[in-house]
Amino acid sequence: MYKHFFKRFFDILIGLIGVIVFFPFFLIVFILLIYNNKGTPFFFQKRPGKNKKIFEVVKFKTMNDKKDKDGNLLPDAERLTTIGKIVRKTSLDELPQIYNLLKGDMSIIGPRPLLPEYLPLYNERQKKRHLVKPGISGWAQVNGRNAISWQQKFEYDVWYVENLSFFLDAKIFFMTFLKVFKSEGINTQNQATTVKFTGNE
């Protein structure tokens, strides 16, 4: 009952509350990024959701579009702006995903939506992460986020899918605020953001 009805009900309820509570922060970050990114505060990217259905996720843009002499984007560390670092550290870059939440593409809690190019790289067990809607936060995010290996992230994702319940979602919800407060697991070690998944060993 929770998985098929009440989970969506709570997503909408919390999403609407989030719009009201976080609107001042949203407005401040929006204005700062418009100035910092020359009029482009948002970042849009295709991501696979439940049953691998592709949707467009929206986040605050924390990196600029600077390129090298050959027209290739510079490494993340060189494109991550000063304001972007603060926005990422406080997880405020995730705020625009409330739109995806209310639209029904995402849930408050679930496996994070990753890149479409990763889809053919998953093994059969890892593919289970797409049996539920992706989340703004998830079991992997409160157990290491970007500081753990891809294989460990996927194992946490699948464990979540297999054990989904109201009490687990509530636990992750409150653990998320604690992790954000402590700014834990934001980056992969020695990386500005995280490394790409290139497949299982």
N, C-alpha and C. Protein backbone atom coordinates (compact mmCIF):
# COMPACT_ATOMS: atom_id res chain seq x y z
N MET A 1 0.83 -1.21 0.00
CA MET A 1 0.00 0.00 0.00
C MET A 1 0.87 1.26 0.00
N TYR A 2 1.90 1.26 0.86
CA TYR A 2 2.78 2.44 0.92
C TYR A 2 3.49 2.66 -0.41
N LYS A 3 4.07 1.61 -0.96
CA LYS A 3 4.85 1.71 -2.19
C LYS A 3 4.00 2.20 -3.36
N HIS A 4 2.75 1.77 -3.44
CA HIS A 4 1.92 2.05 -4.60
C HIS A 4 1.01 3.26 -4.44
N PHE A 5 0.86 3.77 -3.23
CA PHE A 5 -0.02 4.93 -3.06
C PHE A 5 0.56 5.99 -2.13
N PHE A 6 0.81 5.60 -0.87
CA PHE A 6 1.19 6.60 0.13
C PHE A 6 2.56 7.23 -0.14
N LYS A 7 3.45 6.49 -0.79
CA LYS A 7 4.77 7.06 -1.10
C LYS A 7 4.61 8.29 -1.99
N ARG A 8 3.75 8.18 -3.01
CA ARG A 8 3.51 9.32 -3.90
C ARG A 8 2.79 10.45 -3.17
N PHE A 9 1.88 10.09 -2.28
CA PHE A 9 1.16 11.09 -1.49
C PHE A 9 2.14 11.91 -0.66
N PHE A 10 3.07 11.22 0.03
CA PHE A 10 4.06 11.93 0.85
C PHE A 10 5.03 12.74 -0.01
N ASP A 11 5.35 12.24 -1.21
CA ASP A 11 6.22 13.00 -2.13
C ASP A 11 5.59 14.36 -2.44
N ILE A 12 4.31 14.34 -2.79
CA ILE A 12 3.61 15.59 -3.14
C ILE A 12 3.51 16.51 -1.92
N LEU A 13 3.15 15.94 -0.77
CA LEU A 13 3.00 16.72 0.45
C LEU A 13 4.32 17.39 0.84
N ILE A 14 5.40 16.60 0.87
CA ILE A 14 6.71 17.13 1.26
C ILE A 14 7.23 18.10 0.20
N GLY A 15 6.92 17.82 -1.07
CA GLY A 15 7.33 18.72 -2.14
C GLY A 15 6.70 20.09 -2.00
N LEU A 16 5.41 20.13 -1.70
CA LEU A 16 4.71 21.41 -1.53
C LEU A 16 5.22 22.16 -0.30
N ILE A 17 5.48 21.43 0.77
CA ILE A 17 6.05 22.05 1.96
C ILE A 17 7.44 22.60 1.65
N GLY A 18 8.20 21.82 0.86
CA GLY A 18 9.55 22.24 0.48
C GLY A 18 9.56 23.52 -0.33
N VAL A 19 8.58 23.67 -1.22
CA VAL A 19 8.48 24.89 -2.02
C VAL A 19 8.34 26.11 -1.12
N ILE A 20 7.51 25.98 -0.08
CA ILE A 20 7.27 27.09 0.84
C ILE A 20 8.48 27.35 1.73
N VAL A 21 9.02 26.30 2.33
CA VAL A 21 10.12 26.44 3.28
C VAL A 21 11.41 26.90 2.62
N PHE A 22 11.72 26.32 1.44
CA PHE A 22 13.01 26.60 0.82
C PHE A 22 12.98 27.71 -0.23
N PHE A 23 11.82 28.33 -0.42
CA PHE A 23 11.73 29.36 -1.45
C PHE A 23 12.73 30.50 -1.25
N PRO A 24 12.94 31.00 -0.02
CA PRO A 24 13.93 32.07 0.16
C PRO A 24 15.34 31.64 -0.27
N PHE A 25 15.72 30.40 0.07
CA PHE A 25 17.04 29.89 -0.32
C PHE A 25 17.11 29.74 -1.84
N PHE A 26 16.02 29.23 -2.42
CA PHE A 26 15.95 29.05 -3.87
C PHE A 26 16.15 30.39 -4.57
N LEU A 27 15.48 31.42 -4.08
CA LEU A 27 15.56 32.74 -4.71
C LEU A 27 16.96 33.33 -4.62
N ILE A 28 17.59 33.18 -3.45
CA ILE A 28 18.95 33.71 -3.26
C ILE A 28 19.94 33.01 -4.19
N VAL A 29 19.90 31.67 -4.23
CA VAL A 29 20.81 30.92 -5.09
C VAL A 29 20.54 31.23 -6.56
N PHE A 30 19.27 31.34 -6.91
CA PHE A 30 18.87 31.67 -8.28
C PHE A 30 19.50 32.98 -8.73
N ILE A 31 19.40 34.01 -7.91
CA ILE A 31 19.94 35.33 -8.25
C ILE A 31 21.46 35.28 -8.35
N LEU A 32 22.11 34.62 -7.39
CA LEU A 32 23.56 34.53 -7.39
C LEU A 32 24.08 33.80 -8.62
N LEU A 33 23.41 32.72 -9.00
CA LEU A 33 23.86 31.95 -10.15
C LEU A 33 23.56 32.63 -11.48
N ILE A 34 22.50 33.41 -11.54
CA ILE A 34 22.23 34.20 -12.75
C ILE A 34 23.40 35.14 -13.00
N TYR A 35 23.88 35.76 -11.92
CA TYR A 35 25.02 36.68 -12.04
C TYR A 35 26.31 35.92 -12.32
N ASN A 36 26.52 34.84 -11.59
CA ASN A 36 27.76 34.08 -11.69
C ASN A 36 27.90 33.32 -13.00
N ASN A 37 26.76 32.81 -13.53
CA ASN A 37 26.79 31.99 -14.74
C ASN A 37 26.28 32.74 -15.97
N LYS A 38 26.27 34.05 -15.87
CA LYS A 38 25.87 34.89 -17.00
C LYS A 38 24.48 34.55 -17.54
N GLY A 39 23.54 34.44 -16.61
CA GLY A 39 22.14 34.27 -17.00
C GLY A 39 21.65 32.84 -17.11
N THR A 40 22.47 31.85 -16.75
CA THR A 40 22.03 30.44 -16.84
C THR A 40 22.16 29.76 -15.46
N PRO A 41 21.16 29.91 -14.61
CA PRO A 41 21.24 29.34 -13.26
C PRO A 41 20.93 27.85 -13.17
N PHE A 42 20.31 27.30 -14.22
CA PHE A 42 19.89 25.90 -14.15
C PHE A 42 20.71 24.98 -15.07
N PHE A 43 20.77 23.73 -14.65
CA PHE A 43 21.46 22.69 -15.40
C PHE A 43 20.45 21.60 -15.72
N PHE A 44 20.27 21.30 -16.99
CA PHE A 44 19.32 20.27 -17.40
C PHE A 44 20.08 19.09 -18.01
N GLN A 45 19.64 17.88 -17.67
CA GLN A 45 20.31 16.70 -18.21
C GLN A 45 19.35 15.52 -18.25
N LYS A 46 19.48 14.72 -19.31
CA LYS A 46 18.65 13.53 -19.45
C LYS A 46 19.11 12.47 -18.44
N ARG A 47 18.16 11.87 -17.77
CA ARG A 47 18.45 10.80 -16.81
C ARG A 47 17.40 9.70 -16.93
N PRO A 48 17.77 8.46 -16.69
CA PRO A 48 16.78 7.37 -16.70
C PRO A 48 16.08 7.27 -15.35
N GLY A 49 14.76 7.11 -15.40
CA GLY A 49 13.98 6.98 -14.18
C GLY A 49 13.47 5.57 -13.99
N LYS A 50 12.27 5.45 -13.43
CA LYS A 50 11.69 4.13 -13.21
C LYS A 50 11.49 3.42 -14.54
N ASN A 51 11.84 2.14 -14.57
CA ASN A 51 11.76 1.32 -15.78
C ASN A 51 12.59 1.91 -16.92
N LYS A 52 13.64 2.65 -16.55
CA LYS A 52 14.61 3.23 -17.50
C LYS A 52 14.00 4.31 -18.40
N LYS A 53 12.82 4.82 -18.04
CA LYS A 53 12.20 5.88 -18.82
C LYS A 53 13.01 7.17 -18.65
N ILE A 54 13.39 7.77 -19.77
CA ILE A 54 14.23 8.95 -19.75
C ILE A 54 13.42 10.21 -19.44
N PHE A 55 13.93 11.01 -18.51
CA PHE A 55 13.32 12.31 -18.20
C PHE A 55 14.43 13.33 -18.07
N GLU A 56 14.07 14.60 -17.96
CA GLU A 56 15.06 15.66 -17.86
C GLU A 56 15.11 16.19 -16.43
N VAL A 57 16.23 15.95 -15.77
CA VAL A 57 16.40 16.40 -14.40
C VAL A 57 16.91 17.84 -14.42
N VAL A 58 16.49 18.62 -13.41
CA VAL A 58 16.92 20.02 -13.32
C VAL A 58 17.60 20.26 -11.98
N LYS A 59 18.77 20.90 -12.03
CA LYS A 59 19.52 21.23 -10.83
C LYS A 59 20.07 22.65 -10.99
N PHE A 60 20.54 23.22 -9.91
CA PHE A 60 21.25 24.49 -10.02
C PHE A 60 22.62 24.22 -10.66
N LYS A 61 23.02 25.11 -11.53
CA LYS A 61 24.27 24.94 -12.26
C LYS A 61 25.46 25.39 -11.41
N THR A 62 26.33 24.46 -11.06
CA THR A 62 27.47 24.77 -10.18
C THR A 62 28.79 24.86 -10.93
N MET A 63 28.79 24.50 -12.22
CA MET A 63 30.01 24.57 -13.02
C MET A 63 29.79 25.43 -14.25
N ASN A 64 30.83 26.15 -14.67
CA ASN A 64 30.72 26.95 -15.88
C ASN A 64 30.99 26.08 -17.12
N ASP A 65 30.95 26.67 -18.29
CA ASP A 65 31.11 25.91 -19.54
C ASP A 65 32.44 26.20 -20.24
N LYS A 66 33.46 26.52 -19.47
CA LYS A 66 34.77 26.83 -20.06
C LYS A 66 35.36 25.62 -20.77
N LYS A 67 35.96 25.87 -21.94
CA LYS A 67 36.52 24.80 -22.76
C LYS A 67 37.98 25.07 -23.08
N ASP A 68 38.68 24.02 -23.47
CA ASP A 68 40.08 24.18 -23.85
C ASP A 68 40.17 24.65 -25.30
N LYS A 69 41.36 24.78 -25.83
CA LYS A 69 41.55 25.30 -27.18
C LYS A 69 40.97 24.39 -28.26
N ASP A 70 40.72 23.12 -27.91
CA ASP A 70 40.13 22.18 -28.86
C ASP A 70 38.61 22.10 -28.76
N GLY A 71 38.05 22.90 -27.87
CA GLY A 71 36.59 22.91 -27.73
C GLY A 71 36.03 21.90 -26.76
N ASN A 72 36.91 21.24 -25.97
CA ASN A 72 36.46 20.25 -24.99
C ASN A 72 36.30 20.92 -23.62
N LEU A 73 35.27 20.51 -22.90
CA LEU A 73 35.05 21.06 -21.56
C LEU A 73 36.26 20.78 -20.67
N LEU A 74 36.63 21.77 -19.87
CA LEU A 74 37.73 21.60 -18.93
C LEU A 74 37.32 20.62 -17.83
N PRO A 75 38.28 20.06 -17.08
CA PRO A 75 37.94 19.15 -15.97
C PRO A 75 37.02 19.82 -14.95
N ASP A 76 36.23 19.00 -14.24
CA ASP A 76 35.28 19.53 -13.26
C ASP A 76 35.93 20.48 -12.27
N ALA A 77 37.14 20.15 -11.80
CA ALA A 77 37.80 20.97 -10.79
C ALA A 77 38.05 22.39 -11.29
N GLU A 78 38.25 22.54 -12.59
CA GLU A 78 38.53 23.85 -13.17
C GLU A 78 37.25 24.60 -13.52
N ARG A 79 36.13 23.89 -13.61
CA ARG A 79 34.86 24.53 -13.98
C ARG A 79 33.95 24.80 -12.79
N LEU A 80 34.25 24.17 -11.65
CA LEU A 80 33.44 24.35 -10.46
C LEU A 80 33.68 25.76 -9.90
N THR A 81 32.64 26.57 -9.88
CA THR A 81 32.78 27.97 -9.46
C THR A 81 32.80 28.08 -7.93
N THR A 82 33.21 29.23 -7.44
CA THR A 82 33.26 29.46 -6.00
C THR A 82 31.87 29.34 -5.38
N ILE A 83 30.90 29.99 -6.02
CA ILE A 83 29.52 29.89 -5.54
C ILE A 83 29.03 28.46 -5.69
N GLY A 84 29.43 27.81 -6.79
CA GLY A 84 29.04 26.43 -7.04
C GLY A 84 29.50 25.49 -5.95
N LYS A 85 30.72 25.71 -5.43
CA LYS A 85 31.25 24.87 -4.36
C LYS A 85 30.37 24.98 -3.11
N ILE A 86 29.96 26.21 -2.81
CA ILE A 86 29.11 26.44 -1.63
C ILE A 86 27.74 25.79 -1.82
N VAL A 87 27.19 25.95 -3.02
CA VAL A 87 25.87 25.39 -3.32
C VAL A 87 25.91 23.87 -3.25
N ARG A 88 26.98 23.26 -3.76
CA ARG A 88 27.12 21.80 -3.70
C ARG A 88 27.33 21.32 -2.27
N LYS A 89 28.15 22.04 -1.52
CA LYS A 89 28.45 21.64 -0.14
C LYS A 89 27.21 21.61 0.72
N THR A 90 26.30 22.55 0.46
CA THR A 90 25.06 22.63 1.24
C THR A 90 23.92 21.85 0.59
N SER A 91 24.21 21.20 -0.56
CA SER A 91 23.22 20.42 -1.32
C SER A 91 22.07 21.27 -1.84
N LEU A 92 22.25 22.58 -1.90
CA LEU A 92 21.21 23.45 -2.43
C LEU A 92 21.05 23.28 -3.94
N ASP A 93 22.05 22.67 -4.59
CA ASP A 93 21.94 22.43 -6.03
C ASP A 93 20.81 21.46 -6.36
N GLU A 94 20.34 20.71 -5.36
CA GLU A 94 19.27 19.74 -5.56
C GLU A 94 17.87 20.36 -5.50
N LEU A 95 17.76 21.59 -4.99
CA LEU A 95 16.44 22.20 -4.77
C LEU A 95 15.53 22.20 -6.00
N PRO A 96 16.03 22.53 -7.21
CA PRO A 96 15.13 22.54 -8.37
C PRO A 96 14.50 21.20 -8.68
N GLN A 97 15.04 20.12 -8.11
CA GLN A 97 14.46 18.80 -8.38
C GLN A 97 13.10 18.64 -7.72
N ILE A 98 12.69 19.60 -6.89
CA ILE A 98 11.32 19.58 -6.37
C ILE A 98 10.35 19.61 -7.55
N TYR A 99 10.75 20.28 -8.65
CA TYR A 99 9.92 20.28 -9.86
C TYR A 99 9.76 18.85 -10.38
N ASN A 100 10.87 18.10 -10.47
CA ASN A 100 10.80 16.71 -10.92
C ASN A 100 9.97 15.86 -9.97
N LEU A 101 10.05 16.20 -8.68
CA LEU A 101 9.30 15.48 -7.66
C LEU A 101 7.80 15.67 -7.85
N LEU A 102 7.37 16.91 -7.97
CA LEU A 102 5.94 17.21 -8.12
C LEU A 102 5.42 16.71 -9.47
N LYS A 103 6.28 16.72 -10.49
CA LYS A 103 5.89 16.25 -11.82
C LYS A 103 5.70 14.73 -11.85
N GLY A 104 6.36 14.04 -10.92
CA GLY A 104 6.23 12.59 -10.85
C GLY A 104 7.39 11.82 -11.42
N ASP A 105 8.44 12.52 -11.86
CA ASP A 105 9.62 11.84 -12.39
C ASP A 105 10.45 11.20 -11.29
N MET A 106 10.42 11.84 -10.11
CA MET A 106 11.26 11.42 -9.01
C MET A 106 10.47 11.28 -7.73
N SER A 107 11.12 10.70 -6.73
CA SER A 107 10.55 10.57 -5.39
C SER A 107 11.49 11.29 -4.41
N ILE A 108 11.03 11.54 -3.21
CA ILE A 108 11.91 12.12 -2.20
C ILE A 108 13.07 11.17 -1.94
N ILE A 109 12.74 9.88 -1.78
CA ILE A 109 13.75 8.86 -1.47
C ILE A 109 13.78 7.81 -2.57
N GLY A 110 14.98 7.45 -3.00
CA GLY A 110 15.16 6.43 -4.04
C GLY A 110 16.58 6.46 -4.55
N PRO A 111 16.97 5.53 -5.39
CA PRO A 111 18.31 5.57 -5.98
C PRO A 111 18.49 6.84 -6.80
N ARG A 112 19.66 7.46 -6.71
CA ARG A 112 19.89 8.69 -7.46
C ARG A 112 19.84 8.42 -8.97
N PRO A 113 19.23 9.32 -9.76
CA PRO A 113 19.19 9.14 -11.22
C PRO A 113 20.58 9.42 -11.80
N LEU A 114 21.11 8.49 -12.53
CA LEU A 114 22.46 8.61 -13.09
C LEU A 114 22.40 8.87 -14.59
N LEU A 115 23.52 8.71 -15.28
CA LEU A 115 23.58 9.02 -16.70
C LEU A 115 23.03 7.88 -17.56
N PRO A 116 22.35 8.19 -18.66
CA PRO A 116 21.83 7.15 -19.56
C PRO A 116 22.93 6.24 -20.10
N GLU A 117 24.12 6.78 -20.24
CA GLU A 117 25.23 5.99 -20.80
C GLU A 117 25.65 4.85 -19.87
N TYR A 118 25.21 4.89 -18.61
CA TYR A 118 25.54 3.82 -17.68
C TYR A 118 24.63 2.60 -17.85
N LEU A 119 23.48 2.78 -18.48
CA LEU A 119 22.48 1.71 -18.55
C LEU A 119 23.03 0.38 -19.06
N PRO A 120 23.80 0.35 -20.17
CA PRO A 120 24.30 -0.93 -20.64
C PRO A 120 25.45 -1.51 -19.81
N LEU A 121 25.92 -0.74 -18.83
CA LEU A 121 27.06 -1.18 -18.02
C LEU A 121 26.66 -1.92 -16.75
N TYR A 122 25.37 -1.85 -16.39
CA TYR A 122 24.92 -2.50 -15.17
C TYR A 122 24.85 -4.01 -15.35
N ASN A 123 25.14 -4.74 -14.26
CA ASN A 123 24.88 -6.19 -14.29
C ASN A 123 23.41 -6.41 -13.93
N GLU A 124 22.96 -7.65 -13.94
CA GLU A 124 21.54 -7.93 -13.74
C GLU A 124 21.04 -7.46 -12.38
N ARG A 125 21.84 -7.61 -11.36
CA ARG A 125 21.42 -7.16 -10.03
C ARG A 125 21.33 -5.64 -9.97
N GLN A 126 22.30 -4.96 -10.53
CA GLN A 126 22.33 -3.50 -10.49
C GLN A 126 21.16 -2.88 -11.25
N LYS A 127 20.64 -3.59 -12.24
CA LYS A 127 19.51 -3.08 -13.01
C LYS A 127 18.26 -2.91 -12.16
N LYS A 128 18.20 -3.60 -11.01
CA LYS A 128 17.03 -3.51 -10.14
C LYS A 128 16.82 -2.10 -9.59
N ARG A 129 17.86 -1.27 -9.63
CA ARG A 129 17.73 0.10 -9.11
C ARG A 129 16.70 0.90 -9.90
N HIS A 130 16.34 0.40 -11.10
CA HIS A 130 15.36 1.10 -11.93
C HIS A 130 13.95 0.54 -11.78
N LEU A 131 13.74 -0.29 -10.76
CA LEU A 131 12.40 -0.81 -10.50
C LEU A 131 11.54 0.18 -9.72
N VAL A 132 12.19 1.22 -9.19
CA VAL A 132 11.48 2.28 -8.45
C VAL A 132 11.89 3.64 -9.01
N LYS A 133 11.15 4.67 -8.65
CA LYS A 133 11.51 6.02 -9.08
C LYS A 133 12.83 6.44 -8.44
N PRO A 134 13.64 7.19 -9.16
CA PRO A 134 14.87 7.71 -8.56
C PRO A 134 14.52 8.75 -7.50
N GLY A 135 15.45 9.01 -6.59
CA GLY A 135 15.16 9.92 -5.49
C GLY A 135 16.09 11.11 -5.41
N ILE A 136 15.64 12.14 -4.70
CA ILE A 136 16.48 13.30 -4.42
C ILE A 136 17.57 12.88 -3.43
N SER A 137 17.22 12.00 -2.51
CA SER A 137 18.20 11.38 -1.62
C SER A 137 17.93 9.88 -1.61
N GLY A 138 18.89 9.12 -1.10
CA GLY A 138 18.71 7.68 -1.09
C GLY A 138 19.60 7.00 -0.07
N TRP A 139 19.47 5.67 0.01
CA TRP A 139 20.23 4.88 0.98
C TRP A 139 21.74 5.01 0.74
N ALA A 140 22.15 5.07 -0.53
CA ALA A 140 23.57 5.23 -0.84
C ALA A 140 24.06 6.62 -0.45
N GLN A 141 23.20 7.63 -0.56
CA GLN A 141 23.60 9.01 -0.24
C GLN A 141 23.85 9.19 1.25
N VAL A 142 23.12 8.49 2.08
CA VAL A 142 23.33 8.64 3.53
C VAL A 142 24.33 7.63 4.06
N ASN A 143 24.89 6.81 3.15
CA ASN A 143 25.90 5.83 3.54
C ASN A 143 27.21 6.03 2.77
N GLY A 144 27.51 7.28 2.48
CA GLY A 144 28.80 7.55 1.83
C GLY A 144 28.74 8.46 0.64
N ARG A 145 27.60 8.47 -0.08
CA ARG A 145 27.41 9.35 -1.24
C ARG A 145 28.55 9.14 -2.24
N ASN A 146 29.32 10.18 -2.55
CA ASN A 146 30.39 10.08 -3.54
C ASN A 146 31.71 9.58 -2.98
N ALA A 147 31.75 9.30 -1.67
CA ALA A 147 32.99 8.84 -1.05
C ALA A 147 33.13 7.32 -1.09
N ILE A 148 32.13 6.63 -1.65
CA ILE A 148 32.20 5.17 -1.74
C ILE A 148 32.27 4.74 -3.21
N SER A 149 32.60 3.49 -3.45
CA SER A 149 32.76 2.99 -4.81
C SER A 149 31.40 2.86 -5.51
N TRP A 150 31.44 2.82 -6.84
CA TRP A 150 30.20 2.63 -7.61
C TRP A 150 29.53 1.32 -7.22
N GLN A 151 30.32 0.26 -7.08
CA GLN A 151 29.74 -1.05 -6.75
C GLN A 151 29.01 -1.00 -5.41
N GLN A 152 29.58 -0.28 -4.45
CA GLN A 152 28.94 -0.17 -3.14
C GLN A 152 27.66 0.67 -3.24
N LYS A 153 27.71 1.75 -4.04
CA LYS A 153 26.51 2.57 -4.24
C LYS A 153 25.37 1.72 -4.80
N PHE A 154 25.69 0.94 -5.83
CA PHE A 154 24.66 0.13 -6.47
C PHE A 154 24.12 -0.94 -5.53
N GLU A 155 24.99 -1.48 -4.67
CA GLU A 155 24.53 -2.48 -3.71
C GLU A 155 23.56 -1.85 -2.72
N TYR A 156 23.85 -0.64 -2.29
CA TYR A 156 22.94 0.09 -1.40
C TYR A 156 21.62 0.37 -2.12
N ASP A 157 21.70 0.76 -3.40
CA ASP A 157 20.50 1.05 -4.19
C ASP A 157 19.58 -0.17 -4.27
N VAL A 158 20.17 -1.31 -4.59
CA VAL A 158 19.38 -2.53 -4.76
C VAL A 158 18.82 -2.98 -3.41
N TRP A 159 19.62 -2.85 -2.36
CA TRP A 159 19.13 -3.20 -1.02
C TRP A 159 17.91 -2.35 -0.70
N TYR A 160 17.96 -1.06 -1.05
CA TYR A 160 16.83 -0.18 -0.80
C TYR A 160 15.59 -0.66 -1.54
N VAL A 161 15.73 -0.99 -2.82
CA VAL A 161 14.61 -1.46 -3.63
C VAL A 161 13.99 -2.71 -3.00
N GLU A 162 14.83 -3.60 -2.50
CA GLU A 162 14.35 -4.85 -1.93
C GLU A 162 13.75 -4.69 -0.54
N ASN A 163 14.02 -3.56 0.11
CA ASN A 163 13.55 -3.36 1.48
C ASN A 163 12.71 -2.09 1.65
N LEU A 164 12.22 -1.56 0.55
CA LEU A 164 11.47 -0.30 0.57
C LEU A 164 10.31 -0.35 1.56
N SER A 165 10.22 0.65 2.42
CA SER A 165 9.13 0.75 3.38
C SER A 165 9.02 2.19 3.86
N PHE A 166 7.92 2.51 4.51
CA PHE A 166 7.73 3.85 5.06
C PHE A 166 8.81 4.17 6.10
N PHE A 167 9.11 3.21 6.97
CA PHE A 167 10.07 3.47 8.04
C PHE A 167 11.48 3.65 7.49
N LEU A 168 11.82 2.91 6.43
CA LEU A 168 13.14 3.09 5.81
C LEU A 168 13.23 4.46 5.16
N ASP A 169 12.17 4.88 4.46
CA ASP A 169 12.16 6.20 3.83
C ASP A 169 12.28 7.30 4.89
N ALA A 170 11.57 7.15 6.00
CA ALA A 170 11.62 8.14 7.07
C ALA A 170 13.02 8.22 7.66
N LYS A 171 13.65 7.07 7.83
CA LYS A 171 15.02 7.03 8.37
C LYS A 171 15.98 7.76 7.43
N ILE A 172 15.89 7.48 6.13
CA ILE A 172 16.77 8.12 5.15
C ILE A 172 16.50 9.62 5.09
N PHE A 173 15.24 9.99 5.17
CA PHE A 173 14.85 11.41 5.12
C PHE A 173 15.55 12.21 6.22
N PHE A 174 15.50 11.71 7.45
CA PHE A 174 16.10 12.43 8.57
C PHE A 174 17.63 12.30 8.57
N MET A 175 18.16 11.16 8.10
CA MET A 175 19.61 11.01 7.99
C MET A 175 20.18 11.97 6.96
N THR A 176 19.39 12.28 5.93
CA THR A 176 19.84 13.19 4.88
C THR A 176 20.16 14.57 5.45
N PHE A 177 19.29 15.08 6.31
CA PHE A 177 19.53 16.39 6.90
C PHE A 177 20.80 16.39 7.74
N LEU A 178 21.06 15.28 8.43
CA LEU A 178 22.27 15.17 9.24
C LEU A 178 23.51 15.17 8.36
N LYS A 179 23.44 14.43 7.25
CA LYS A 179 24.58 14.36 6.32
C LYS A 179 24.84 15.72 5.67
N VAL A 180 23.77 16.43 5.31
CA VAL A 180 23.92 17.76 4.70
C VAL A 180 24.55 18.71 5.70
N PHE A 181 24.13 18.63 6.96
CA PHE A 181 24.66 19.50 8.02
C PHE A 181 26.16 19.24 8.21
N LYS A 182 26.56 17.96 8.12
CA LYS A 182 27.97 17.61 8.31
C LYS A 182 28.79 17.74 7.03
N SER A 183 28.09 17.93 5.87
CA SER A 183 28.77 18.04 4.56
C SER A 183 29.64 16.82 4.29
N GLU A 184 29.09 15.64 4.52
CA GLU A 184 29.85 14.40 4.34
C GLU A 184 29.62 13.80 2.96
N GLY A 185 30.69 13.22 2.39
CA GLY A 185 30.59 12.42 1.17
C GLY A 185 30.27 13.18 -0.09
N ILE A 186 30.53 14.49 -0.12
CA ILE A 186 30.17 15.29 -1.29
C ILE A 186 31.01 14.93 -2.50
N ASN A 187 32.31 14.70 -2.28
CA ASN A 187 33.22 14.42 -3.38
C ASN A 187 33.86 13.06 -3.25
N THR A 188 34.24 12.49 -4.41
CA THR A 188 35.10 11.32 -4.41
C THR A 188 36.49 11.78 -4.02
N GLN A 189 37.24 10.95 -3.33
CA GLN A 189 38.58 11.34 -2.87
C GLN A 189 39.44 11.83 -4.04
N ASN A 190 40.06 12.97 -3.84
CA ASN A 190 40.95 13.61 -4.84
C ASN A 190 40.23 14.04 -6.11
N GLN A 191 38.89 14.18 -6.03
CA GLN A 191 38.11 14.63 -7.17
C GLN A 191 37.26 15.82 -6.77
N ALA A 192 36.98 16.72 -7.74
CA ALA A 192 36.13 17.88 -7.44
C ALA A 192 34.68 17.46 -7.27
N THR A 193 34.26 16.43 -7.98
CA THR A 193 32.89 15.93 -7.89
C THR A 193 32.93 14.41 -7.69
N THR A 194 32.82 13.67 -8.77
CA THR A 194 32.93 12.21 -8.69
C THR A 194 33.49 11.69 -10.00
N VAL A 195 33.89 10.42 -10.02
CA VAL A 195 34.42 9.83 -11.24
C VAL A 195 33.30 9.11 -11.97
N LYS A 196 33.45 8.95 -13.28
CA LYS A 196 32.43 8.27 -14.07
C LYS A 196 32.47 6.76 -13.83
N PHE A 197 31.29 6.14 -13.95
CA PHE A 197 31.19 4.69 -13.87
C PHE A 197 31.57 4.13 -15.24
N THR A 198 32.53 3.21 -15.27
CA THR A 198 33.00 2.65 -16.54
C THR A 198 32.70 1.16 -16.67
N GLY A 199 31.92 0.64 -15.74
CA GLY A 199 31.56 -0.76 -15.81
C GLY A 199 32.09 -1.55 -14.63
N ASN A 200 31.62 -2.78 -14.48
CA ASN A 200 32.05 -3.64 -13.38
C ASN A 200 33.34 -4.36 -13.75
N GLU A 201 34.15 -4.59 -12.73
CA GLU A 201 35.41 -5.28 -12.97
C GLU A 201 35.16 -6.75 -13.28
